[in-house]
Amino acid sequence: MKSLKAGEETTNFSIILKDGDPALNPANRPLLLDAIEMIIGTAKGYQVPFAAIPLLEHQDIPEQNLYKCLFGRDSLLISDLLHGERPDLRLNILCALASFQGKVFDPVSEEEPGRIPHEVRESDDPVAIKLTEHGGWKFPYYGSVDATLIWMRLLHAEALGRPEILDIEVSGISLWQRSLAATEWILNRLSSKSGFIESNRANPRGIENQVWKDSGDSYMHLDGTLARGDSTASVETVGEAYDALLSAMFIQGIHLSQNWPMSIAELETVATSLQVSLIENFWLGDNFALALERDGSGKSIQMKSIASNQGRLLDSKIISGQEFTKYRQAIAAAVTDSTLLGESGLRTLSNSHISYRPGGYHTGSAWPFDGALVARGLLTQGFNNESELIQNKTRIAIESSGGYPEFFRGDWPVGDLINTYTHDVKSFDATKNTERFNRVAQPPQIIQGWTVAAYSWLIKQVK
């Protein structure tokens, strides 16, 4: 209730996890290998990681059963972080998602040719039924701009040591041919007015911000004004697009074909232009902007909010060259500054921002997988001390709970971290002259695949 701001009113406040819940007791945290087995499900005959599953004690809590299915972005990143423990999962998830790759344009499901789906549910899934009947969705649902980019990068990683996997056929189409279709989708999306891949939903009731921070209030300007939601280009997506183009170049080098939309040299030119555009458009002088959006005239406007997103550029190759040294140093300083790094890990939004909410879904909470990926990037780029700092805080936060929670509050001391309630508010959105409903706080998924995978990676780094 203390999270209310001027002009807001509570529309729903309900306790989900009560005092004494097993998830609040570290002694009840499942062993890592058991947790890994818990998140594994089946899709199209492949063993794949699901986004989240409930604890046995939470089987009857609807809020803990929301993500028990195949997700694009989630399942890909889980398989990536778990690769040292379960190397089989990466190829499995690549093939499973390829079987649902988009073929046609469908504004309801947001399917597009070459696009990798965001969320795959069976028709009898209670969540699918609800979202179809009341939310105006259709499954598989494709409302993600980053799943296709991550799919390309992981296909590249899998093919580095085993190029023959590119010839595996999924529903009669080889993986390399599917990468060609994905590349066409990426290039088409890069032809936007801003020159970046933007969140621009085809279904007006679909996901507004089609990146990992996909809540309605996750993208905002420095004064707290929310993004309009029709042209948001998130900073980490630029790095993901760059990596996807490098992947396309690698795969084309193995499988030359006249069907590729661009030659290797042309793809390299597009990738290089992304590097230049990243600095020209997102650099603030000592940090990178959270995102861009276009104004009414089509001009790109920076969202100067300081957030964790910029840290993910270090887990990309986009600023790996010597000429980008000062930018890497600035990010390393930003993500370890006390305004972003709290006791429970890397905050999604700086605690100095007007929109900061320590328990907000993407407005101040600390997500372990986000911290792990940023820590991995810091380690890759040679910032060992900074990486260890984030690793330790993230790992200790996980170990303080009775599960592997989706996120933690960004300001509470370790050991007292979990939102146990749902808190929805209504406010007037001046940018659209309408009312907006936001989820200020909600209980995290207690066995969340991202966190299980992050913990697996984190404990391997402990010396």
Protein backbone atom coordinates (compact mmCIF):
# COMPACT_ATOMS: atom_id res chain seq x y z
CA MET A 1 0.00 0.00 0.00
CA LYS A 2 2.95 2.31 0.59
CA SER A 3 3.79 2.12 -3.13
CA LEU A 4 0.93 4.42 -4.11
CA LYS A 5 1.87 7.68 -5.79
CA ALA A 6 -0.05 10.87 -6.45
CA GLY A 7 -3.05 10.22 -8.69
CA GLU A 8 -3.09 6.47 -8.08
CA GLU A 9 -5.68 4.33 -6.37
CA THR A 10 -5.69 0.67 -5.43
CA THR A 11 -7.94 -1.58 -7.50
CA ASN A 12 -6.82 -4.90 -6.00
CA PHE A 13 -4.75 -5.92 -3.01
CA SER A 14 -4.62 -9.58 -2.01
CA ILE A 15 -2.24 -11.74 0.00
CA ILE A 16 -0.98 -14.71 -2.02
CA LEU A 17 1.81 -16.23 0.07
CA LYS A 18 1.15 -16.12 3.81
CA ASP A 19 3.57 -16.07 6.73
CA GLY A 20 5.01 -19.54 7.26
CA ASP A 21 4.88 -20.40 3.56
CA PRO A 22 7.62 -22.91 2.61
CA ALA A 23 8.95 -20.45 0.02
CA LEU A 24 10.00 -18.11 2.81
CA ASN A 25 12.19 -20.70 4.55
CA PRO A 26 15.67 -21.33 3.08
CA ALA A 27 15.65 -24.82 4.59
CA ASN A 28 12.96 -25.79 2.07
CA ARG A 29 14.89 -24.77 -1.05
CA PRO A 30 15.09 -27.82 -3.37
CA LEU A 31 18.53 -29.07 -4.32
CA LEU A 32 19.71 -27.59 -7.62
CA LEU A 33 19.65 -30.87 -9.56
CA ASP A 34 16.13 -31.53 -8.32
CA ALA A 35 15.05 -28.02 -9.30
CA ILE A 36 16.47 -28.52 -12.79
CA GLU A 37 14.43 -31.69 -13.20
CA MET A 38 11.34 -29.89 -11.89
CA ILE A 39 11.39 -27.26 -14.66
CA ILE A 40 11.84 -29.76 -17.51
CA GLY A 41 8.74 -30.40 -19.61
CA THR A 42 7.97 -31.69 -23.08
CA ALA A 43 7.11 -29.81 -26.27
CA LYS A 44 6.82 -31.45 -29.69
CA GLY A 45 8.54 -34.50 -28.26
CA TYR A 46 11.58 -32.55 -27.02
CA GLN A 47 12.62 -32.20 -23.39
CA VAL A 48 12.74 -28.46 -22.79
CA PRO A 49 12.83 -26.09 -19.82
CA PHE A 50 9.53 -24.42 -18.96
CA ALA A 51 9.49 -20.84 -17.71
CA ALA A 52 8.28 -21.72 -14.20
CA ILE A 53 6.54 -24.44 -12.21
CA PRO A 54 4.89 -24.36 -8.79
CA LEU A 55 6.17 -25.92 -5.61
CA LEU A 56 4.16 -28.98 -4.58
CA GLU A 57 2.61 -26.86 -1.82
CA HIS A 58 1.58 -24.22 -4.39
CA GLN A 59 -0.19 -26.49 -6.88
CA ASP A 60 -3.56 -24.91 -6.07
CA ILE A 61 -2.41 -21.28 -6.20
CA PRO A 62 -3.34 -19.90 -9.66
CA GLU A 63 -0.64 -17.21 -9.54
CA GLN A 64 2.03 -19.90 -9.18
CA ASN A 65 0.80 -21.80 -12.26
CA LEU A 66 0.98 -19.01 -14.84
CA TYR A 67 4.13 -19.96 -16.74
CA LYS A 68 4.20 -23.75 -16.77
CA CYS A 69 4.82 -24.00 -20.52
CA LEU A 70 7.31 -23.38 -23.31
CA PHE A 71 8.40 -19.76 -23.71
CA GLY A 72 10.70 -18.44 -26.42
CA ARG A 73 12.96 -15.99 -24.63
CA ASP A 74 12.75 -17.74 -21.26
CA SER A 75 13.42 -21.28 -22.40
CA LEU A 76 16.29 -20.17 -24.65
CA LEU A 77 18.07 -18.25 -21.89
CA ILE A 78 17.47 -21.04 -19.39
CA SER A 79 19.10 -23.55 -21.75
CA ASP A 80 21.98 -21.14 -22.30
CA LEU A 81 22.75 -20.67 -18.60
CA LEU A 82 22.23 -24.40 -17.94
CA HIS A 83 24.49 -25.49 -20.78
CA GLY A 84 27.26 -26.62 -18.46
CA GLU A 85 24.84 -28.80 -16.51
CA ARG A 86 22.44 -29.91 -19.25
CA PRO A 87 24.07 -29.43 -22.68
CA ASP A 88 21.27 -31.35 -24.37
CA LEU A 89 18.69 -28.67 -23.66
CA ARG A 90 20.05 -26.07 -26.07
CA LEU A 91 19.52 -28.11 -29.24
CA ASN A 92 16.19 -29.39 -27.89
CA ILE A 93 14.84 -25.89 -27.39
CA LEU A 94 16.15 -24.72 -30.76
CA CYS A 95 14.27 -27.54 -32.47
CA ALA A 96 11.11 -27.23 -30.38
CA LEU A 97 10.79 -23.50 -31.09
CA ALA A 98 11.68 -24.03 -34.76
CA SER A 99 8.63 -26.28 -35.09
CA PHE A 100 6.46 -23.26 -34.24
CA GLN A 101 8.39 -20.71 -36.32
CA GLY A 102 6.07 -18.23 -38.00
CA LYS A 103 4.85 -18.83 -41.54
CA VAL A 104 2.16 -16.20 -42.16
CA PHE A 105 1.06 -12.77 -40.93
CA ASP A 106 -1.62 -13.04 -38.25
CA PRO A 107 -2.38 -9.85 -36.28
CA VAL A 108 -4.17 -11.74 -33.49
CA SER A 109 -1.30 -14.11 -32.62
CA GLU A 110 1.27 -11.60 -33.98
CA GLU A 111 2.74 -14.40 -36.06
CA GLU A 112 5.08 -13.23 -38.83
CA PRO A 113 7.14 -15.32 -41.30
CA GLY A 114 10.41 -16.36 -39.70
CA ARG A 115 9.46 -15.18 -36.20
CA ILE A 116 10.16 -17.40 -33.19
CA PRO A 117 7.20 -17.59 -30.79
CA HIS A 118 7.04 -15.93 -27.40
CA GLU A 119 4.62 -18.29 -25.66
CA VAL A 120 3.40 -21.77 -26.64
CA ARG A 121 0.40 -23.28 -24.83
CA GLU A 122 -1.85 -26.26 -25.39
CA SER A 123 -5.48 -25.46 -26.22
CA ASP A 124 -6.71 -26.91 -22.91
CA ASP A 125 -4.26 -24.86 -20.84
CA PRO A 126 -6.40 -22.80 -18.38
CA VAL A 127 -4.22 -19.73 -18.95
CA ALA A 128 -4.53 -20.13 -22.73
CA ILE A 129 -8.31 -20.41 -22.45
CA LYS A 130 -8.48 -17.25 -20.35
CA LEU A 131 -6.15 -15.25 -22.58
CA THR A 132 -7.98 -16.38 -25.70
CA GLU A 133 -11.51 -15.78 -24.45
CA HIS A 134 -10.91 -12.63 -22.42
CA GLY A 135 -7.55 -11.28 -23.55
CA GLY A 136 -7.95 -11.45 -27.30
CA TRP A 137 -4.85 -13.60 -27.81
CA LYS A 138 -4.21 -16.62 -30.01
CA PHE A 139 -1.65 -19.39 -29.46
CA PRO A 140 1.12 -19.87 -30.20
CA TYR A 141 1.57 -16.19 -29.37
CA TYR A 142 4.49 -14.44 -31.07
CA GLY A 143 4.63 -11.08 -29.22
CA SER A 144 8.37 -10.91 -28.61
CA VAL A 145 11.06 -9.11 -30.61
CA ASP A 146 14.01 -10.74 -28.86
CA ALA A 147 13.20 -14.47 -28.97
CA THR A 148 14.17 -14.66 -32.66
CA LEU A 149 17.45 -12.83 -31.97
CA ILE A 150 18.38 -15.11 -29.08
CA TRP A 151 17.38 -18.20 -31.09
CA MET A 152 19.84 -17.17 -33.81
CA ARG A 153 22.66 -16.60 -31.33
CA LEU A 154 22.18 -19.97 -29.64
CA LEU A 155 21.93 -21.76 -32.99
CA HIS A 156 25.30 -20.19 -33.83
CA ALA A 157 26.73 -21.32 -30.47
CA GLU A 158 25.45 -24.88 -30.97
CA ALA A 159 26.82 -25.05 -34.53
CA LEU A 160 30.31 -23.80 -33.64
CA GLY A 161 31.44 -27.21 -32.49
CA ARG A 162 28.91 -29.25 -34.46
CA PRO A 163 28.09 -27.57 -37.79
CA GLU A 164 26.25 -30.71 -38.89
CA ILE A 165 23.33 -29.81 -36.58
CA LEU A 166 22.38 -27.09 -39.08
CA ASP A 167 21.16 -29.89 -41.38
CA ILE A 168 18.70 -31.25 -38.81
CA GLU A 169 15.21 -31.02 -40.23
CA VAL A 170 12.29 -29.84 -38.13
CA SER A 171 8.94 -30.46 -39.83
CA GLY A 172 10.79 -30.99 -43.10
CA ILE A 173 12.80 -27.76 -42.97
CA SER A 174 16.47 -27.71 -41.92
CA LEU A 175 17.67 -25.49 -39.10
CA TRP A 176 19.90 -23.50 -41.46
CA GLN A 177 16.93 -22.79 -43.73
CA ARG A 178 14.97 -21.69 -40.67
CA SER A 179 17.84 -19.38 -39.73
CA LEU A 180 17.54 -17.85 -43.19
CA ALA A 181 13.85 -17.11 -42.55
CA ALA A 182 14.72 -15.68 -39.13
CA THR A 183 17.35 -13.43 -40.73
CA GLU A 184 14.76 -12.10 -43.18
CA TRP A 185 12.49 -11.28 -40.23
CA ILE A 186 15.34 -9.47 -38.44
CA LEU A 187 16.28 -7.39 -41.47
CA ASN A 188 12.66 -6.50 -42.05
CA ARG A 189 12.32 -5.29 -38.45
CA LEU A 190 15.57 -3.32 -38.72
CA SER A 191 14.03 -1.33 -41.58
CA SER A 192 11.98 0.67 -39.06
CA LYS A 193 12.18 4.48 -39.11
CA SER A 194 14.60 4.43 -36.19
CA GLY A 195 16.79 1.75 -37.74
CA PHE A 196 16.34 -0.44 -34.65
CA ILE A 197 14.07 -3.36 -33.84
CA GLU A 198 11.07 -1.81 -32.11
CA SER A 199 8.21 -3.11 -29.98
CA ASN A 200 5.21 -2.39 -32.16
CA ARG A 201 2.41 -4.83 -31.51
CA ALA A 202 0.02 -5.90 -34.26
CA ASN A 203 -2.64 -6.96 -31.74
CA PRO A 204 -3.81 -3.89 -29.76
CA ARG A 205 -4.44 -6.23 -26.80
CA GLY A 206 -1.07 -7.96 -27.09
CA ILE A 207 2.09 -7.33 -25.10
CA GLU A 208 3.03 -3.67 -25.25
CA ASN A 209 6.75 -3.93 -24.49
CA GLN A 210 7.86 -7.02 -26.42
CA VAL A 211 11.20 -7.55 -24.67
CA TRP A 212 12.12 -9.18 -21.36
CA LYS A 213 10.86 -6.18 -19.36
CA ASP A 214 7.40 -6.70 -20.79
CA SER A 215 5.19 -5.06 -18.15
CA GLY A 216 3.17 -1.98 -19.08
CA ASP A 217 5.14 0.43 -16.89
CA SER A 218 8.68 -0.84 -17.55
CA TYR A 219 9.69 1.83 -20.09
CA MET A 220 9.61 5.43 -19.00
CA HIS A 221 11.32 8.77 -19.46
CA LEU A 222 13.36 10.53 -16.78
CA ASP A 223 10.27 12.40 -15.54
CA GLY A 224 8.31 9.17 -15.19
CA THR A 225 6.24 9.62 -18.36
CA LEU A 226 5.56 6.16 -19.76
CA ALA A 227 6.49 5.10 -23.27
CA ARG A 228 3.61 5.25 -25.73
CA GLY A 229 4.25 1.61 -26.63
CA ASP A 230 4.23 1.94 -30.41
CA SER A 231 7.93 2.37 -31.22
CA THR A 232 10.04 1.45 -28.18
CA ALA A 233 13.57 0.25 -29.01
CA SER A 234 15.20 -1.22 -25.89
CA VAL A 235 18.97 -0.83 -25.60
CA GLU A 236 19.84 -4.49 -24.98
CA THR A 237 17.90 -5.49 -28.09
CA VAL A 238 20.45 -3.60 -30.21
CA GLY A 239 23.18 -5.90 -28.91
CA GLU A 240 21.00 -8.96 -29.45
CA ALA A 241 20.29 -7.89 -33.04
CA TYR A 242 24.01 -7.38 -33.65
CA ASP A 243 24.81 -10.87 -32.35
CA ALA A 244 22.02 -12.36 -34.48
CA LEU A 245 23.53 -10.77 -37.60
CA LEU A 246 26.95 -12.22 -36.74
CA SER A 247 25.22 -15.58 -36.37
CA ALA A 248 23.62 -15.23 -39.79
CA MET A 249 27.04 -14.48 -41.29
CA PHE A 250 28.51 -17.59 -39.68
CA ILE A 251 25.68 -19.86 -40.82
CA GLN A 252 25.72 -18.48 -44.35
CA GLY A 253 29.45 -19.21 -44.47
CA ILE A 254 28.61 -22.88 -43.94
CA HIS A 255 25.48 -22.98 -46.11
CA LEU A 256 25.82 -20.67 -49.08
CA SER A 257 22.57 -20.18 -50.95
CA GLN A 258 21.05 -17.67 -53.35
CA ASN A 259 18.07 -17.47 -51.00
CA TRP A 260 19.90 -15.49 -48.33
CA PRO A 261 18.44 -11.95 -48.26
CA MET A 262 21.94 -10.42 -48.04
CA SER A 263 25.49 -11.51 -48.69
CA ILE A 264 27.91 -11.95 -45.80
CA ALA A 265 29.53 -8.62 -46.66
CA GLU A 266 26.15 -6.87 -46.69
CA LEU A 267 25.19 -8.40 -43.35
CA GLU A 268 28.50 -7.21 -41.93
CA THR A 269 27.73 -3.68 -43.12
CA VAL A 270 24.35 -3.74 -41.36
CA ALA A 271 25.97 -5.05 -38.18
CA THR A 272 28.65 -2.36 -38.23
CA SER A 273 26.03 0.34 -38.73
CA LEU A 274 24.24 -0.96 -35.61
CA GLN A 275 27.41 -0.44 -33.58
CA VAL A 276 27.66 3.16 -34.78
CA SER A 277 23.95 3.81 -34.27
CA LEU A 278 24.05 2.42 -30.73
CA ILE A 279 26.58 5.05 -29.68
CA GLU A 280 24.97 7.86 -31.65
CA ASN A 281 21.48 7.25 -30.32
CA PHE A 282 21.75 5.66 -26.85
CA TRP A 283 24.92 7.08 -25.29
CA LEU A 284 24.23 9.69 -22.59
CA GLY A 285 27.80 10.66 -21.83
CA ASP A 286 28.32 8.38 -18.83
CA ASN A 287 25.56 5.78 -19.28
CA PHE A 288 23.37 4.26 -21.94
CA ALA A 289 19.71 5.23 -22.18
CA LEU A 290 17.10 2.64 -21.31
CA ALA A 291 15.45 2.89 -24.72
CA LEU A 292 14.30 5.11 -27.56
CA GLU A 293 10.86 5.92 -28.89
CA ARG A 294 9.77 8.01 -31.86
CA ASP A 295 7.76 11.20 -31.41
CA GLY A 296 4.88 12.30 -33.64
CA SER A 297 7.28 13.52 -36.31
CA GLY A 298 9.19 10.23 -36.37
CA LYS A 299 12.23 11.58 -34.51
CA SER A 300 13.84 9.22 -32.00
CA ILE A 301 13.71 10.44 -28.40
CA GLN A 302 15.93 8.99 -25.66
CA MET A 303 14.47 7.50 -22.51
CA LYS A 304 17.26 8.72 -20.24
CA SER A 305 16.25 6.50 -17.34
CA ILE A 306 19.13 4.53 -15.83
CA ALA A 307 18.32 0.83 -15.71
CA SER A 308 19.95 -2.59 -15.74
CA ASN A 309 19.37 -3.07 -19.48
CA GLN A 310 22.66 -1.46 -20.47
CA GLY A 311 24.53 -4.16 -18.57
CA ARG A 312 23.37 -6.73 -21.09
CA LEU A 313 25.44 -5.00 -23.79
CA LEU A 314 28.49 -6.55 -22.11
CA ASP A 315 27.04 -10.02 -22.72
CA SER A 316 26.93 -9.15 -26.41
CA LYS A 317 29.75 -8.65 -28.92
CA ILE A 318 28.48 -5.23 -30.00
CA ILE A 319 30.96 -3.21 -27.90
CA SER A 320 33.78 -5.76 -27.66
CA GLY A 321 36.31 -3.85 -29.79
CA GLN A 322 39.15 -1.74 -28.42
CA GLU A 323 37.42 1.41 -29.65
CA PHE A 324 34.55 0.76 -27.24
CA THR A 325 36.70 0.54 -24.09
CA LYS A 326 35.29 3.67 -22.44
CA TYR A 327 31.72 2.49 -22.99
CA ARG A 328 32.41 -0.87 -21.36
CA GLN A 329 34.04 0.88 -18.42
CA ALA A 330 31.05 3.19 -18.02
CA ILE A 331 28.63 0.25 -17.96
CA ALA A 332 30.76 -1.62 -15.43
CA ALA A 333 30.69 1.44 -13.18
CA ALA A 334 26.94 1.95 -13.66
CA VAL A 335 25.83 -1.58 -12.82
CA THR A 336 27.94 -1.69 -9.65
CA ASP A 337 26.91 1.77 -8.44
CA SER A 338 24.77 1.67 -5.29
CA THR A 339 21.81 3.17 -7.17
CA LEU A 340 21.55 0.04 -9.33
CA LEU A 341 23.20 -2.65 -7.22
CA GLY A 342 21.34 -3.42 -4.00
CA GLU A 343 21.78 -6.05 -1.32
CA SER A 344 19.54 -8.49 -3.18
CA GLY A 345 21.19 -8.00 -6.57
CA LEU A 346 21.00 -5.81 -9.65
CA ARG A 347 17.95 -3.54 -9.61
CA THR A 348 15.93 -3.30 -12.79
CA LEU A 349 15.68 0.48 -12.33
CA SER A 350 17.86 2.96 -10.47
CA ASN A 351 16.59 3.74 -6.99
CA SER A 352 17.11 7.43 -7.77
CA HIS A 353 14.43 7.36 -10.48
CA ILE A 354 11.05 8.93 -9.79
CA SER A 355 9.35 5.69 -10.91
CA TYR A 356 11.40 3.40 -8.69
CA ARG A 357 9.35 0.82 -6.78
CA PRO A 358 11.46 -1.69 -4.83
CA GLY A 359 8.89 -4.43 -5.39
CA GLY A 360 7.76 -3.34 -8.84
CA TYR A 361 7.86 -6.06 -11.47
CA HIS A 362 10.43 -4.26 -13.66
CA THR A 363 10.71 -0.94 -11.83
CA GLY A 364 13.19 -1.69 -9.08
CA SER A 365 12.99 -5.41 -8.29
CA ALA A 366 16.17 -7.50 -8.65
CA TRP A 367 15.95 -10.46 -11.05
CA PRO A 368 18.67 -13.09 -10.51
CA PHE A 369 18.88 -14.07 -14.18
CA ASP A 370 19.42 -10.41 -15.14
CA GLY A 371 22.21 -10.17 -12.60
CA ALA A 372 23.76 -13.42 -13.83
CA LEU A 373 23.78 -12.37 -17.48
CA VAL A 374 25.28 -8.97 -16.62
CA ALA A 375 27.85 -10.69 -14.38
CA ARG A 376 28.68 -13.06 -17.24
CA GLY A 377 29.18 -10.10 -19.55
CA LEU A 378 31.41 -8.34 -17.02
CA LEU A 379 33.47 -11.51 -16.69
CA THR A 380 33.78 -11.88 -20.47
CA GLN A 381 34.93 -8.27 -20.80
CA GLY A 382 37.55 -8.57 -18.06
CA PHE A 383 35.74 -6.83 -15.19
CA ASN A 384 36.36 -9.66 -12.75
CA ASN A 385 35.86 -7.74 -9.50
CA GLU A 386 32.65 -6.09 -10.67
CA SER A 387 31.33 -9.43 -11.88
CA GLU A 388 32.12 -11.10 -8.56
CA LEU A 389 30.32 -8.34 -6.69
CA ILE A 390 27.07 -8.91 -8.60
CA GLN A 391 27.50 -12.68 -8.52
CA ASN A 392 27.82 -12.78 -4.74
CA LYS A 393 24.82 -10.56 -4.02
CA THR A 394 22.66 -12.48 -6.48
CA ARG A 395 23.69 -15.90 -5.19
CA ILE A 396 23.20 -14.96 -1.53
CA ALA A 397 19.74 -13.59 -2.31
CA ILE A 398 18.70 -16.88 -3.90
CA GLU A 399 20.10 -18.86 -0.99
CA SER A 400 18.10 -16.74 1.45
CA SER A 401 14.79 -18.04 0.08
CA GLY A 402 12.93 -21.34 0.11
CA GLY A 403 12.98 -21.66 -3.65
CA TYR A 404 14.44 -20.05 -6.76
CA PRO A 405 12.29 -16.91 -6.95
CA GLU A 406 11.68 -14.91 -10.10
CA PHE A 407 12.76 -11.65 -8.45
CA PHE A 408 13.44 -9.97 -5.12
CA ARG A 409 12.61 -6.57 -3.73
CA GLY A 410 15.35 -4.11 -4.56
CA ASP A 411 15.68 -2.55 -1.12
CA TRP A 412 14.92 -5.09 1.61
CA PRO A 413 17.81 -6.75 3.43
CA VAL A 414 18.71 -10.26 2.36
CA GLY A 415 16.56 -12.84 4.12
CA ASP A 416 13.38 -10.76 3.90
CA LEU A 417 13.01 -10.40 0.17
CA ILE A 418 9.78 -11.72 -1.27
CA ASN A 419 6.62 -9.82 -2.14
CA THR A 420 3.82 -11.99 -0.80
CA TYR A 421 0.97 -9.98 -2.24
CA THR A 422 -0.63 -8.69 -5.43
CA HIS A 423 -1.15 -4.95 -5.60
CA ASP A 424 -2.85 -3.39 -8.63
CA VAL A 425 -3.36 0.34 -9.06
CA LYS A 426 -5.21 2.64 -11.45
CA SER A 427 -3.77 5.93 -12.65
CA PHE A 428 -4.51 8.46 -15.36
CA ASP A 429 -2.17 8.15 -18.34
CA ALA A 430 -1.73 11.62 -19.80
CA THR A 431 0.22 10.26 -22.77
CA LYS A 432 -2.91 8.48 -24.03
CA ASN A 433 -5.58 10.51 -22.23
CA THR A 434 -6.90 7.35 -20.65
CA GLU A 435 -6.75 5.31 -17.48
CA ARG A 436 -3.91 2.86 -17.05
CA PHE A 437 -3.82 -0.17 -14.77
CA ASN A 438 -0.45 -1.33 -13.43
CA ARG A 439 0.65 -4.17 -11.20
CA VAL A 440 2.75 -2.39 -8.60
CA ALA A 441 3.73 -5.60 -6.81
CA GLN A 442 3.12 -9.30 -7.18
CA PRO A 443 4.52 -12.50 -5.68
CA PRO A 444 7.26 -14.00 -7.86
CA GLN A 445 7.21 -17.48 -9.31
CA ILE A 446 8.99 -19.50 -6.63
CA ILE A 447 10.54 -22.13 -8.91
CA GLN A 448 11.41 -19.91 -11.85
CA GLY A 449 13.48 -21.45 -14.63
CA TRP A 450 15.60 -18.36 -15.19
CA THR A 451 16.61 -18.33 -11.51
CA VAL A 452 17.32 -22.05 -11.38
CA ALA A 453 19.59 -21.64 -14.41
CA ALA A 454 21.19 -18.47 -13.02
CA TYR A 455 22.01 -20.26 -9.77
CA SER A 456 23.56 -23.16 -11.70
CA TRP A 457 25.82 -20.69 -13.52
CA LEU A 458 26.60 -18.66 -10.39
CA ILE A 459 27.76 -21.54 -8.21
CA LYS A 460 30.15 -22.67 -10.96
CA GLN A 461 31.91 -19.32 -10.68
CA VAL A 462 32.58 -19.62 -6.93
CA LYS A 463 36.29 -20.08 -6.37
